[in-house]
Protein backbone atom coordinates (compact mmCIF):
# COMPACT_ATOMS: atom_id res chain seq x y z
CA MET A 1 -25.52 -140.13 -79.64
CA ILE A 2 -24.25 -136.56 -79.57
CA ASP A 3 -21.08 -135.42 -81.34
CA CYS A 4 -18.45 -135.41 -78.60
CA ASN A 5 -14.66 -135.69 -78.57
CA ILE A 6 -13.14 -137.76 -75.75
CA SER A 7 -9.54 -137.51 -74.56
CA LEU A 8 -7.50 -138.00 -71.40
CA LEU A 9 -6.76 -135.19 -68.94
CA GLY A 10 -3.67 -136.39 -67.12
CA ASP A 11 -3.71 -139.72 -65.29
CA ASP A 12 -7.05 -139.50 -63.50
CA ALA A 13 -9.51 -137.57 -65.66
CA VAL A 14 -11.22 -137.72 -69.03
CA CYS A 15 -12.22 -134.70 -71.10
CA LEU A 16 -15.58 -134.69 -72.92
CA ARG A 17 -15.78 -131.90 -75.48
CA PRO A 18 -19.24 -131.77 -77.10
CA ALA A 19 -19.44 -130.12 -80.52
CA ASP A 20 -22.33 -128.07 -79.13
CA ARG A 21 -21.27 -126.65 -75.75
CA ALA A 22 -24.94 -126.37 -74.74
CA HIS A 23 -24.83 -130.12 -74.00
CA ARG A 24 -22.25 -129.70 -71.21
CA HIS A 25 -24.63 -129.32 -68.27
CA ALA A 26 -26.92 -132.21 -69.19
CA LEU A 27 -23.91 -134.47 -69.75
CA ALA A 28 -22.38 -133.45 -66.42
CA GLN A 29 -25.63 -133.89 -64.51
CA THR A 30 -26.24 -137.38 -65.89
CA LEU A 31 -22.66 -138.48 -65.23
CA ARG A 32 -22.74 -137.02 -61.72
CA THR A 33 -25.93 -138.81 -60.74
CA SER A 34 -24.61 -142.14 -62.01
CA GLY A 35 -22.32 -142.38 -58.97
CA ARG A 36 -19.60 -144.06 -61.05
CA TRP A 37 -17.12 -141.19 -61.09
CA VAL A 38 -15.01 -139.42 -58.46
CA ASP A 39 -16.06 -135.98 -59.71
CA VAL A 40 -17.68 -134.37 -62.74
CA VAL A 41 -16.99 -130.69 -63.47
CA PRO A 42 -18.36 -128.72 -66.43
CA GLY A 43 -16.10 -126.00 -67.81
CA LYS A 44 -16.56 -123.38 -70.51
CA GLU A 45 -16.17 -125.87 -73.35
CA ILE A 46 -15.67 -129.29 -71.74
CA VAL A 47 -16.81 -131.68 -69.05
CA ALA A 48 -13.98 -133.10 -66.92
CA VAL A 49 -14.68 -136.56 -65.52
CA ARG A 50 -12.38 -137.74 -62.72
CA PHE A 51 -11.86 -141.42 -61.99
CA ASP A 52 -9.85 -143.44 -59.47
CA PRO A 53 -6.72 -144.63 -61.32
CA PHE A 54 -6.22 -147.36 -58.71
CA MET A 55 -9.60 -148.83 -59.60
CA CYS A 56 -9.78 -148.05 -63.30
CA ALA A 57 -7.05 -147.72 -65.95
CA PRO A 58 -7.17 -144.53 -68.06
CA SER A 59 -7.88 -146.49 -71.24
CA GLU A 60 -10.74 -148.29 -69.49
CA ALA A 61 -12.25 -145.01 -68.33
CA VAL A 62 -12.17 -143.65 -71.88
CA ALA A 63 -13.73 -146.87 -73.21
CA GLN A 64 -16.50 -146.75 -70.58
CA LEU A 65 -17.39 -143.18 -71.48
CA LYS A 66 -17.40 -143.94 -75.21
CA ASP A 67 -19.78 -146.83 -74.63
CA TRP A 68 -21.94 -144.69 -72.37
CA LEU A 69 -22.21 -141.95 -75.00
CA LYS A 70 -23.53 -144.44 -77.56
CA SER A 71 -26.65 -144.95 -75.46
CA TYR A 72 -26.89 -141.43 -74.04
CA GLU A 73 -30.21 -139.73 -74.70
CA GLU A 74 -30.19 -135.97 -75.02
CA GLN A 75 -31.74 -134.19 -72.05
CA SER A 76 -32.60 -130.66 -71.08
CA SER A 77 -29.48 -128.49 -70.83
CA GLY A 78 -30.45 -127.11 -67.42
CA THR A 79 -29.78 -128.68 -64.04
CA GLY A 80 -31.46 -127.83 -60.80
CA GLU A 81 -34.54 -125.75 -60.14
CA PRO A 82 -34.68 -122.14 -61.33
CA ILE A 83 -33.89 -119.75 -58.50
CA GLU A 84 -34.79 -116.12 -57.85
CA LEU A 85 -32.18 -113.89 -56.21
CA THR A 86 -32.91 -110.51 -54.63
CA LEU A 87 -30.57 -107.85 -56.01
CA ASP A 88 -29.86 -104.85 -53.78
CA THR A 89 -28.73 -101.93 -55.94
CA SER A 90 -28.35 -99.32 -53.20
CA SER A 91 -25.29 -97.14 -53.70
CA ALA A 92 -23.24 -98.87 -50.99
CA ASN A 93 -23.71 -102.23 -52.72
CA ALA A 94 -23.47 -101.04 -56.33
CA PRO A 95 -20.41 -98.78 -56.55
CA ASP A 96 -20.05 -99.11 -60.35
CA LEU A 97 -23.69 -99.14 -61.41
CA GLU A 98 -24.08 -95.45 -62.25
CA ALA A 99 -20.82 -95.32 -64.22
CA LEU A 100 -21.74 -98.42 -66.25
CA ALA A 101 -25.18 -97.05 -67.02
CA GLN A 102 -23.64 -93.79 -68.25
CA GLN A 103 -21.08 -95.71 -70.29
CA ASN A 104 -23.98 -97.49 -72.03
CA ASN A 105 -25.94 -94.24 -72.49
CA LEU A 106 -28.73 -95.50 -70.26
CA SER A 107 -30.38 -94.44 -67.04
CA THR A 108 -29.63 -96.76 -64.12
CA ASP A 109 -33.22 -98.03 -64.24
CA ALA A 110 -33.02 -98.81 -67.96
CA PHE A 111 -29.64 -100.47 -67.49
CA LEU A 112 -30.95 -102.68 -64.68
CA GLN A 113 -34.07 -103.61 -66.63
CA LYS A 114 -31.89 -104.93 -69.45
CA VAL A 115 -30.00 -107.03 -66.90
CA ILE A 116 -32.98 -108.53 -65.08
CA GLN A 117 -34.93 -109.18 -68.29
CA SER A 118 -32.05 -111.27 -69.67
CA ASP A 119 -32.32 -115.07 -69.82
CA LEU A 120 -29.74 -115.86 -67.18
CA VAL A 121 -28.19 -119.27 -66.51
CA VAL A 122 -25.15 -120.30 -64.46
CA ASP A 123 -22.57 -121.31 -67.05
CA MET A 124 -19.89 -122.60 -64.71
CA LEU A 125 -18.33 -122.22 -61.26
CA GLY A 126 -14.71 -121.21 -60.78
CA PHE A 127 -12.15 -118.44 -60.16
CA THR A 128 -12.80 -118.80 -56.42
CA PRO A 129 -14.95 -121.49 -54.74
CA GLY A 130 -18.58 -121.00 -55.66
CA PHE A 131 -17.99 -118.00 -57.94
CA ALA A 132 -20.73 -118.27 -60.57
CA TYR A 133 -20.22 -117.20 -64.17
CA VAL A 134 -23.70 -116.39 -65.45
CA ASP A 135 -24.39 -116.29 -69.20
CA GLY A 136 -27.24 -114.66 -71.07
CA VAL A 137 -26.84 -110.97 -70.23
CA ASP A 138 -28.22 -108.64 -72.91
CA THR A 139 -25.42 -108.41 -75.48
CA SER A 140 -26.02 -104.68 -76.01
CA LEU A 141 -24.56 -103.95 -72.57
CA VAL A 142 -20.83 -103.24 -72.53
CA ALA A 143 -18.57 -103.46 -69.47
CA GLU A 144 -14.87 -104.08 -68.95
CA ARG A 145 -12.78 -105.16 -65.99
CA LEU A 146 -11.66 -102.48 -63.58
CA SER A 147 -8.24 -101.06 -64.34
CA VAL A 148 -7.36 -101.56 -60.66
CA PRO A 149 -9.01 -104.60 -59.00
CA ARG A 150 -10.51 -104.13 -55.56
CA VAL A 151 -8.65 -105.67 -52.64
CA ARG A 152 -11.92 -107.00 -51.23
CA VAL A 153 -15.35 -107.52 -52.75
CA PRO A 154 -18.10 -108.55 -50.26
CA ALA A 155 -19.72 -111.97 -50.55
CA GLY A 156 -22.91 -111.80 -52.57
CA SER A 157 -21.64 -109.03 -54.84
CA VAL A 158 -22.81 -109.06 -58.45
CA GLY A 159 -20.25 -108.11 -61.07
CA LEU A 160 -20.93 -107.49 -64.75
CA LEU A 161 -18.77 -107.81 -67.84
CA SER A 162 -19.95 -107.76 -71.43
CA GLY A 163 -22.28 -110.72 -71.89
CA GLN A 164 -22.05 -112.15 -68.40
CA ILE A 165 -22.58 -111.68 -64.69
CA GLY A 166 -20.24 -112.85 -61.94
CA LEU A 167 -21.67 -113.78 -58.53
CA TYR A 168 -19.18 -113.72 -55.65
CA ALA A 169 -20.09 -116.52 -53.24
CA LEU A 170 -17.16 -115.58 -51.00
CA GLY A 171 -15.61 -112.25 -50.14
CA GLY A 172 -12.19 -111.51 -51.60
CA PRO A 173 -10.33 -109.57 -54.28
CA GLY A 174 -12.09 -108.93 -57.57
CA GLY A 175 -11.84 -106.91 -60.75
CA TRP A 176 -15.43 -107.00 -62.03
CA PRO A 177 -17.49 -103.77 -61.95
CA ILE A 178 -20.08 -104.26 -59.19
CA ILE A 179 -23.74 -103.46 -59.91
CA GLY A 180 -25.33 -104.80 -56.72
CA ARG A 181 -25.39 -107.46 -54.05
CA VAL A 182 -27.82 -110.33 -53.54
CA HIS A 183 -29.52 -110.85 -50.18
CA GLU A 184 -29.32 -114.64 -50.37
CA MET A 185 -26.32 -116.45 -48.88
CA LEU A 186 -24.49 -117.97 -51.81
CA PHE A 187 -22.32 -119.91 -49.37
CA ASP A 188 -23.40 -121.36 -46.05
CA ALA A 189 -21.18 -123.96 -44.40
CA LYS A 190 -24.17 -125.25 -42.40
CA ARG A 191 -26.09 -126.31 -45.52
CA HIS A 192 -25.86 -129.85 -46.84
CA GLU A 193 -24.79 -128.28 -50.15
CA PRO A 194 -22.83 -125.23 -48.96
CA PHE A 195 -22.91 -123.39 -52.30
CA LEU A 196 -26.36 -122.25 -53.37
CA LEU A 197 -25.84 -122.23 -57.14
CA GLN A 198 -24.85 -124.95 -59.56
CA ALA A 199 -23.77 -125.02 -63.19
CA GLY A 200 -26.68 -125.04 -65.61
CA GLN A 201 -29.15 -123.50 -63.16
CA PRO A 202 -31.48 -120.78 -64.49
CA ILE A 203 -31.64 -117.70 -62.30
CA SER A 204 -33.73 -114.53 -62.17
CA LEU A 205 -33.05 -111.28 -60.35
CA LYS A 206 -35.58 -109.27 -58.35
CA LEU A 207 -34.62 -105.65 -57.72
CA VAL A 208 -34.65 -103.91 -54.34
CA GLY A 209 -32.84 -100.79 -53.17
CA GLY A 210 -31.62 -98.16 -55.54
């Protein structure tokens, strides 16, 4: 049994807060595949488990999860197959790349090599539907939000802040410095699973353009 705090989130959800946040994705994946819960969503520190309050009292949901945790066997923290994304760093798709490289006292090539050689994994989805927060970026790279957010960032754009990447599945406003754009469709309404990425999924970036 892992060390995990359990508490209610309103009237129809339970919060699981593992002492080691690395357990979040494995917990969420196992709970999701059980089919017993309305929805399971991993966040930065917690896993939110939604239940139907007409079918299950809040106290019963908490009790069920406590019992489940007693028999839970630790699994790999990742979910889903690793995926490779093609990163286009041509000037039209990477308006902030050169400035970020200069800020970090690197050439653009050296800057990008540090990014693509990082151990990247989707930490969570949020902000806008399908927006992927990706952890693991080389901690020596420094980047801050734009002082004036852009009114529209194209779908597929790749933003970078210190320690993380942000992948825009949908077009819209955004304040992350943009270092490129992936060729793959991160959102496709025709797919069975419209959003390409999922929390806990390892990703790698292959460079094109420049």
